[in-house]
Amino acid sequence: MATSKIAIIPVNDIVARLNSDPEFLLTARFWYCDIRFVIGAEQYFMHIENGRVESFTQGTNGFDPYTINLSGSEEVWDRMFEHTPKPFFHDWFAASFHHEFEFGGDLESAYAYYYSLRRVKAIMGDAVRANREAEAA
């Protein structure tokens, strides 16, 4: 089994990048949402309020609310965060149909703000790759 390249998701960097990304800010306006990301055994929670990421934390107390759930193995996340992902790793929805990845929760909200969710994936991938490069240097 391959070793995961994901050590820790750089949550502070992702918050800063999303809150300064014009595409995300435009598509996420008026959005209130709690997203749970499950990467292997690790859980992360992102709170979005009025189109801005208010918090993004690692870990859980067992009672964390979430509206949308995005979860998969570390291997799937590694492949999704590649610079040019292979087919069906490029998108949350596609990965949920073709790989061991779960895209669930309030799908009405998820679909209404799907472009925002795609920006979250793009920005997370950029931040994870930058973090890997910094650690390798």
C-alpha atoms as a PDB file:
ATOM      1  CA  MET A   1       0.000   0.000   0.000  1.00  0.00           C
ATOM      2  CA  ALA A   2       1.336   3.433  -0.927  1.00  0.00           C
ATOM      3  CA  THR A   3       2.183   5.907   1.791  1.00  0.00           C
ATOM      4  CA  SER A   4      -0.034   8.959   1.873  1.00  0.00           C
ATOM      5  CA  LYS A   5       1.459  12.268   0.853  1.00  0.00           C
ATOM      6  CA  ILE A   6      -1.093  14.097   2.999  1.00  0.00           C
ATOM      7  CA  ALA A   7       0.413  14.827   6.392  1.00  0.00           C
ATOM      8  CA  ILE A   8      -1.827  17.582   7.680  1.00  0.00           C
ATOM      9  CA  ILE A   9      -4.162  19.795   5.712  1.00  0.00           C
ATOM     10  CA  PRO A  10      -2.872  23.400   6.026  1.00  0.00           C
ATOM     11  CA  VAL A  11      -6.173  24.762   7.345  1.00  0.00           C
ATOM     12  CA  ASN A  12      -5.017  28.338   7.983  1.00  0.00           C
ATOM     13  CA  ASP A  13      -3.547  28.628   4.496  1.00  0.00           C
ATOM     14  CA  ILE A  14      -6.755  27.274   2.958  1.00  0.00           C
ATOM     15  CA  VAL A  15      -8.893  29.782   4.893  1.00  0.00           C
ATOM     16  CA  ALA A  16      -6.679  32.664   3.754  1.00  0.00           C
ATOM     17  CA  ARG A  17      -6.672  31.469   0.147  1.00  0.00           C
ATOM     18  CA  LEU A  18     -10.447  30.954  -0.024  1.00  0.00           C
ATOM     19  CA  ASN A  19     -11.252  34.280   1.628  1.00  0.00           C
ATOM     20  CA  SER A  20      -9.055  36.078  -0.904  1.00  0.00           C
ATOM     21  CA  ASP A  21     -10.186  34.098  -3.961  1.00  0.00           C
ATOM     22  CA  PRO A  22     -12.490  36.261  -6.120  1.00  0.00           C
ATOM     23  CA  GLU A  23     -14.183  33.247  -7.744  1.00  0.00           C
ATOM     24  CA  PHE A  24     -14.985  31.634  -4.410  1.00  0.00           C
ATOM     25  CA  LEU A  25     -16.212  34.889  -2.879  1.00  0.00           C
ATOM     26  CA  LEU A  26     -18.489  35.549  -5.844  1.00  0.00           C
ATOM     27  CA  THR A  27     -19.997  32.058  -6.049  1.00  0.00           C
ATOM     28  CA  ALA A  28     -20.279  31.547  -2.286  1.00  0.00           C
ATOM     29  CA  ARG A  29     -22.024  34.824  -1.464  1.00  0.00           C
ATOM     30  CA  PHE A  30     -25.077  34.311   0.768  1.00  0.00           C
ATOM     31  CA  TRP A  31     -23.926  30.741   1.566  1.00  0.00           C
ATOM     32  CA  TYR A  32     -24.120  29.424   5.120  1.00  0.00           C
ATOM     33  CA  CYS A  33     -22.732  25.917   5.449  1.00  0.00           C
ATOM     34  CA  ASP A  34     -20.770  23.491   7.616  1.00  0.00           C
ATOM     35  CA  ILE A  35     -18.651  20.990   5.705  1.00  0.00           C
ATOM     36  CA  ARG A  36     -17.054  17.872   7.142  1.00  0.00           C
ATOM     37  CA  PHE A  37     -13.997  16.528   5.340  1.00  0.00           C
ATOM     38  CA  VAL A  38     -12.955  12.998   6.317  1.00  0.00           C
ATOM     39  CA  ILE A  39      -9.490  12.116   5.066  1.00  0.00           C
ATOM     40  CA  GLY A  40      -8.745   8.581   6.144  1.00  0.00           C
ATOM     41  CA  ALA A  41      -9.173   8.671   9.932  1.00  0.00           C
ATOM     42  CA  GLU A  42      -8.797  12.462  10.204  1.00  0.00           C
ATOM     43  CA  GLN A  43     -11.766  14.817  10.305  1.00  0.00           C
ATOM     44  CA  TYR A  44     -11.785  18.498   9.398  1.00  0.00           C
ATOM     45  CA  PHE A  45     -14.662  20.953   9.745  1.00  0.00           C
ATOM     46  CA  MET A  46     -15.155  24.114   7.686  1.00  0.00           C
ATOM     47  CA  HIS A  47     -17.724  26.723   8.695  1.00  0.00           C
ATOM     48  CA  ILE A  48     -18.852  29.125   5.965  1.00  0.00           C
ATOM     49  CA  GLU A  49     -20.927  32.138   6.892  1.00  0.00           C
ATOM     50  CA  ASN A  50     -22.324  34.557   4.318  1.00  0.00           C
ATOM     51  CA  GLY A  51     -19.863  33.290   1.724  1.00  0.00           C
ATOM     52  CA  ARG A  52     -16.693  33.547   3.838  1.00  0.00           C
ATOM     53  CA  VAL A  53     -14.821  30.785   5.611  1.00  0.00           C
ATOM     54  CA  GLU A  54     -15.127  31.650   9.303  1.00  0.00           C
ATOM     55  CA  SER A  55     -13.249  28.598  10.572  1.00  0.00           C
ATOM     56  CA  PHE A  56     -11.545  25.445   9.385  1.00  0.00           C
ATOM     57  CA  THR A  57     -10.379  23.059  12.081  1.00  0.00           C
ATOM     58  CA  GLN A  58      -8.790  19.660  12.381  1.00  0.00           C
ATOM     59  CA  GLY A  59     -10.256  17.127  14.773  1.00  0.00           C
ATOM     60  CA  THR A  60     -13.647  16.574  16.310  1.00  0.00           C
ATOM     61  CA  ASN A  61     -15.318  16.583  19.673  1.00  0.00           C
ATOM     62  CA  GLY A  62     -17.908  14.115  18.390  1.00  0.00           C
ATOM     63  CA  PHE A  63     -20.709  16.677  18.216  1.00  0.00           C
ATOM     64  CA  ASP A  64     -19.563  18.845  15.314  1.00  0.00           C
ATOM     65  CA  PRO A  65     -22.444  19.861  13.039  1.00  0.00           C
ATOM     66  CA  TYR A  66     -22.127  19.534   9.294  1.00  0.00           C
ATOM     67  CA  THR A  67     -24.370  20.115   6.312  1.00  0.00           C
ATOM     68  CA  ILE A  68     -22.194  18.507   3.644  1.00  0.00           C
ATOM     69  CA  ASN A  69     -19.922  15.501   4.047  1.00  0.00           C
ATOM     70  CA  LEU A  70     -16.914  14.812   1.811  1.00  0.00           C
ATOM     71  CA  SER A  71     -15.049  11.689   2.808  1.00  0.00           C
ATOM     72  CA  GLY A  72     -12.663   9.115   1.433  1.00  0.00           C
ATOM     73  CA  SER A  73      -9.443   7.250   2.019  1.00  0.00           C
ATOM     74  CA  GLU A  74      -6.118   9.066   2.129  1.00  0.00           C
ATOM     75  CA  GLU A  75      -5.240   7.414  -1.177  1.00  0.00           C
ATOM     76  CA  VAL A  76      -8.304   8.878  -2.895  1.00  0.00           C
ATOM     77  CA  TRP A  77      -7.591  12.341  -1.459  1.00  0.00           C
ATOM     78  CA  ASP A  78      -3.945  12.091  -2.575  1.00  0.00           C
ATOM     79  CA  ARG A  79      -5.091  11.352  -6.103  1.00  0.00           C
ATOM     80  CA  MET A  80      -7.669  14.168  -6.010  1.00  0.00           C
ATOM     81  CA  PHE A  81      -4.988  16.656  -4.929  1.00  0.00           C
ATOM     82  CA  GLU A  82      -2.588  15.813  -7.776  1.00  0.00           C
ATOM     83  CA  HIS A  83      -1.755  18.792  -9.992  1.00  0.00           C
ATOM     84  CA  THR A  84      -3.584  17.158 -12.908  1.00  0.00           C
ATOM     85  CA  PRO A  85      -5.894  14.522 -11.430  1.00  0.00           C
ATOM     86  CA  LYS A  86      -6.735  11.426 -13.441  1.00  0.00           C
ATOM     87  CA  PRO A  87     -10.321  11.104 -14.761  1.00  0.00           C
ATOM     88  CA  PHE A  88     -12.974  11.044 -12.051  1.00  0.00           C
ATOM     89  CA  PHE A  89     -10.542  12.292  -9.396  1.00  0.00           C
ATOM     90  CA  HIS A  90     -10.934  15.845 -10.712  1.00  0.00           C
ATOM     91  CA  ASP A  91     -14.306  16.489  -9.054  1.00  0.00           C
ATOM     92  CA  TRP A  92     -16.165  15.599  -5.823  1.00  0.00           C
ATOM     93  CA  PHE A  93     -19.253  14.334  -7.654  1.00  0.00           C
ATOM     94  CA  ALA A  94     -17.333  12.246 -10.193  1.00  0.00           C
ATOM     95  CA  ALA A  95     -15.173  10.708  -7.469  1.00  0.00           C
ATOM     96  CA  SER A  96     -18.287   9.707  -5.517  1.00  0.00           C
ATOM     97  CA  PHE A  97     -19.562   7.689  -8.491  1.00  0.00           C
ATOM     98  CA  HIS A  98     -16.316   6.111  -9.628  1.00  0.00           C
ATOM     99  CA  HIS A  99     -14.130   5.769  -6.521  1.00  0.00           C
ATOM    100  CA  GLU A 100     -14.478   5.087  -2.820  1.00  0.00           C
ATOM    101  CA  PHE A 101     -15.498   8.633  -2.004  1.00  0.00           C
ATOM    102  CA  GLU A 102     -18.628   9.922  -0.300  1.00  0.00           C
ATOM    103  CA  PHE A 103     -20.339  13.155  -1.302  1.00  0.00           C
ATOM    104  CA  GLY A 104     -23.366  13.491   0.940  1.00  0.00           C
ATOM    105  CA  GLY A 105     -25.453  15.510   3.314  1.00  0.00           C
ATOM    106  CA  ASP A 106     -27.733  18.324   2.199  1.00  0.00           C
ATOM    107  CA  LEU A 107     -27.340  17.788  -1.533  1.00  0.00           C
ATOM    108  CA  GLU A 108     -29.774  20.589  -2.390  1.00  0.00           C
ATOM    109  CA  SER A 109     -27.408  23.078  -0.751  1.00  0.00           C
ATOM    110  CA  ALA A 110     -24.386  21.324  -2.228  1.00  0.00           C
ATOM    111  CA  TYR A 111     -25.758  21.536  -5.753  1.00  0.00           C
ATOM    112  CA  ALA A 112     -26.862  25.156  -5.335  1.00  0.00           C
ATOM    113  CA  TYR A 113     -23.293  26.081  -4.361  1.00  0.00           C
ATOM    114  CA  TYR A 114     -21.480  23.394  -6.332  1.00  0.00           C
ATOM    115  CA  TYR A 115     -19.164  25.828  -8.077  1.00  0.00           C
ATOM    116  CA  SER A 116     -18.121  27.099  -4.648  1.00  0.00           C
ATOM    117  CA  LEU A 117     -17.424  23.515  -3.586  1.00  0.00           C
ATOM    118  CA  ARG A 118     -15.308  23.043  -6.714  1.00  0.00           C
ATOM    119  CA  ARG A 119     -13.295  26.140  -5.769  1.00  0.00           C
ATOM    120  CA  VAL A 120     -12.814  24.667  -2.288  1.00  0.00           C
ATOM    121  CA  LYS A 121     -11.346  21.542  -3.902  1.00  0.00           C
ATOM    122  CA  ALA A 122      -9.094  23.561  -6.214  1.00  0.00           C
ATOM    123  CA  ILE A 123      -7.822  25.797  -3.408  1.00  0.00           C
ATOM    124  CA  MET A 124      -7.333  22.842  -1.039  1.00  0.00           C
ATOM    125  CA  GLY A 125      -5.316  21.073  -3.731  1.00  0.00           C
ATOM    126  CA  ASP A 126      -3.151  24.153  -4.313  1.00  0.00           C
ATOM    127  CA  ALA A 127      -2.516  24.564  -0.580  1.00  0.00           C
ATOM    128  CA  VAL A 128      -1.731  20.877  -0.022  1.00  0.00           C
ATOM    129  CA  ARG A 129       0.720  20.823  -2.955  1.00  0.00           C
ATOM    130  CA  ALA A 130       2.391  24.039  -1.727  1.00  0.00           C
ATOM    131  CA  ASN A 131       2.658  22.536   1.766  1.00  0.00           C
ATOM    132  CA  ARG A 132       4.261  19.370   0.349  1.00  0.00           C
ATOM    133  CA  GLU A 133       6.780  21.425  -1.625  1.00  0.00           C
ATOM    134  CA  ALA A 134       7.651  23.533   1.439  1.00  0.00           C
ATOM    135  CA  GLU A 135       8.167  20.422   3.570  1.00  0.00           C
ATOM    136  CA  ALA A 136      10.328  18.815   0.863  1.00  0.00           C
ATOM    137  CA  ALA A 137      12.596  21.892   0.644  1.00  0.00           C
END
